């Protein structure tokens, strides 16, 4: 896995207001060349919404321990 070998990764999904709605941590296998996250959450409002999806090294700045 390019640049992230043997490291925990954190998937962070934030809503339009910047509030974290989902944080998911995973430890990919060292022999994987890529990794796919599977994340599901229920939007708080009906209609269209925009979200920001970020993947960081777990423990890196901007990777919260739990959703806000």
C-alpha atoms as a PDB file:
ATOM      1  CA  UNK A   1       0.000   0.000   0.000  1.00  0.00           C
ATOM      2  CA  UNK A   2       1.782   3.100  -1.207  1.00  0.00           C
ATOM      3  CA  UNK A   3       2.946   5.269   1.686  1.00  0.00           C
ATOM      4  CA  UNK A   4       0.767   3.623   4.357  1.00  0.00           C
ATOM      5  CA  UNK A   5       2.329   0.187   4.821  1.00  0.00           C
ATOM      6  CA  UNK A   6       1.666  -1.308   8.288  1.00  0.00           C
ATOM      7  CA  UNK A   7      -0.204   1.796   9.474  1.00  0.00           C
ATOM      8  CA  UNK A   8      -3.732   2.192  10.816  1.00  0.00           C
ATOM      9  CA  UNK A   9      -5.905   4.352   8.578  1.00  0.00           C
ATOM     10  CA  UNK A  10      -8.849   6.548   9.546  1.00  0.00           C
ATOM     11  CA  UNK A  11     -11.724   7.357   7.196  1.00  0.00           C
ATOM     12  CA  UNK A  12     -13.379  10.650   8.207  1.00  0.00           C
ATOM     13  CA  UNK A  13     -16.664  11.845   6.676  1.00  0.00           C
ATOM     14  CA  UNK A  14     -17.777  15.421   7.434  1.00  0.00           C
ATOM     15  CA  UNK A  15     -21.006  17.215   6.527  1.00  0.00           C
ATOM     16  CA  UNK A  16     -21.355  20.665   4.930  1.00  0.00           C
ATOM     17  CA  UNK A  17     -20.953  22.357   8.338  1.00  0.00           C
ATOM     18  CA  UNK A  18     -17.668  20.512   8.958  1.00  0.00           C
ATOM     19  CA  UNK A  19     -19.139  18.266  11.658  1.00  0.00           C
ATOM     20  CA  UNK A  20     -17.731  14.727  11.668  1.00  0.00           C
ATOM     21  CA  UNK A  21     -20.571  12.280  10.968  1.00  0.00           C
ATOM     22  CA  UNK A  22     -18.494   9.096  10.702  1.00  0.00           C
ATOM     23  CA  UNK A  23     -15.002   7.969  11.653  1.00  0.00           C
ATOM     24  CA  UNK A  24     -13.855   4.478  10.779  1.00  0.00           C
ATOM     25  CA  UNK A  25     -10.423   3.026  11.606  1.00  0.00           C
ATOM     26  CA  UNK A  26      -8.930   0.043   9.809  1.00  0.00           C
ATOM     27  CA  UNK A  27      -5.585  -1.730   9.604  1.00  0.00           C
ATOM     28  CA  UNK A  28      -4.979  -2.924   6.033  1.00  0.00           C
ATOM     29  CA  UNK A  29      -2.975  -6.075   5.415  1.00  0.00           C
ATOM     30  CA  UNK A  30       0.683  -5.286   4.620  1.00  0.00           C
ATOM     31  CA  UNK A  31       0.537  -7.296   1.380  1.00  0.00           C
ATOM     32  CA  UNK A  32      -2.408  -5.329  -0.064  1.00  0.00           C
ATOM     33  CA  UNK A  33      -1.627  -2.880  -2.868  1.00  0.00           C
ATOM     34  CA  UNK A  34      -4.917  -1.027  -2.259  1.00  0.00           C
ATOM     35  CA  UNK A  35      -7.640  -0.859   0.379  1.00  0.00           C
ATOM     36  CA  UNK A  36     -11.377  -0.162   0.135  1.00  0.00           C
ATOM     37  CA  UNK A  37     -13.464   1.245   2.998  1.00  0.00           C
ATOM     38  CA  UNK A  38     -17.150   0.349   3.297  1.00  0.00           C
ATOM     39  CA  UNK A  39     -18.975   3.107   5.174  1.00  0.00           C
ATOM     40  CA  UNK A  40     -22.689   3.614   5.770  1.00  0.00           C
ATOM     41  CA  UNK A  41     -24.487   6.289   7.733  1.00  0.00           C
ATOM     42  CA  UNK A  42     -27.931   7.847   7.848  1.00  0.00           C
ATOM     43  CA  UNK A  43     -28.074  11.493   6.691  1.00  0.00           C
ATOM     44  CA  UNK A  44     -29.638  13.846   9.237  1.00  0.00           C
ATOM     45  CA  UNK A  45     -31.737  15.762   6.682  1.00  0.00           C
ATOM     46  CA  UNK A  46     -33.828  14.788   3.660  1.00  0.00           C
ATOM     47  CA  UNK A  47     -32.755  15.838   0.195  1.00  0.00           C
ATOM     48  CA  UNK A  48     -29.321  16.308  -1.295  1.00  0.00           C
ATOM     49  CA  UNK A  49     -26.321  16.778   0.949  1.00  0.00           C
ATOM     50  CA  UNK A  50     -22.596  17.224   0.362  1.00  0.00           C
ATOM     51  CA  UNK A  51     -19.939  15.434   2.394  1.00  0.00           C
ATOM     52  CA  UNK A  52     -16.156  15.585   2.533  1.00  0.00           C
ATOM     53  CA  UNK A  53     -14.371  12.231   2.679  1.00  0.00           C
ATOM     54  CA  UNK A  54     -10.778  12.095   3.937  1.00  0.00           C
ATOM     55  CA  UNK A  55      -8.438   9.164   4.627  1.00  0.00           C
ATOM     56  CA  UNK A  56      -5.573   9.845   7.040  1.00  0.00           C
ATOM     57  CA  UNK A  57      -3.021   7.949   9.045  1.00  0.00           C
ATOM     58  CA  UNK A  58      -4.760   7.130  12.316  1.00  0.00           C
ATOM     59  CA  UNK A  59      -3.542   9.566  14.969  1.00  0.00           C
ATOM     60  CA  UNK A  60      -2.640  12.220  12.391  1.00  0.00           C
ATOM     61  CA  UNK A  61      -3.847  15.789  12.819  1.00  0.00           C
ATOM     62  CA  UNK A  62      -7.478  15.955  11.667  1.00  0.00           C
ATOM     63  CA  UNK A  63      -8.212  12.301  12.464  1.00  0.00           C
ATOM     64  CA  UNK A  64     -10.512  12.436  15.503  1.00  0.00           C
ATOM     65  CA  UNK A  65     -10.709   9.504  17.910  1.00  0.00           C
ATOM     66  CA  UNK A  66     -14.530   9.405  17.624  1.00  0.00           C
ATOM     67  CA  UNK A  67     -17.312  11.308  15.824  1.00  0.00           C
ATOM     68  CA  UNK A  68     -18.109  14.776  17.207  1.00  0.00           C
END
